[in-house]
C-alpha cells in the first residue's frame, strides 16, 4: 500500500519511536525527508542521521530521560495546503519550537526563511 502523505508518515514514525523508547527509527528515503532530517539535526532535535540503502536512519535524542521532541504537528496536508508569507511565519511555542517551510529556495526552518525574506508552504511544526 502506497503512503499518501510521506511527510506525515515520517513525523508519525518519529512520534511512535519516541513513545516506544526506541533509539533509532528507519524511514524510507526521499530528498524531502532527508532535508527534514538535516534540519532536525541542525536544530538539535535528533542526534544524527545516516542514509543507507534507501533508508534514513535517525538517531533519536534523549535529554535527561525525556525525548528532545515533545511534539510534532503536520500543518499543510495533501487535501489542504497552507501557504504563508514572510510576515506570517509563525513562532512555535513562543520560540521554543521550529516550523519548517518549503520555499522557492528549498526546505528551510522558519527563522532562516525570515532571514532570506521568503514565504512558502508551511510543512510542519516541531517542539
Foldseek 3Di string as FASTA:
>chain_A
DDDPWLVVVVVVQVVVCQVVVHQKTKGFDDPQVVVVLVQCCVVPQFVHWDDDDRIIITGWDADPNHGSWPDKFFDADPVHWDKDFLVRQDCPPVVPKWWWFQWPVGIDINVVCNVVRGIHTTTMIID
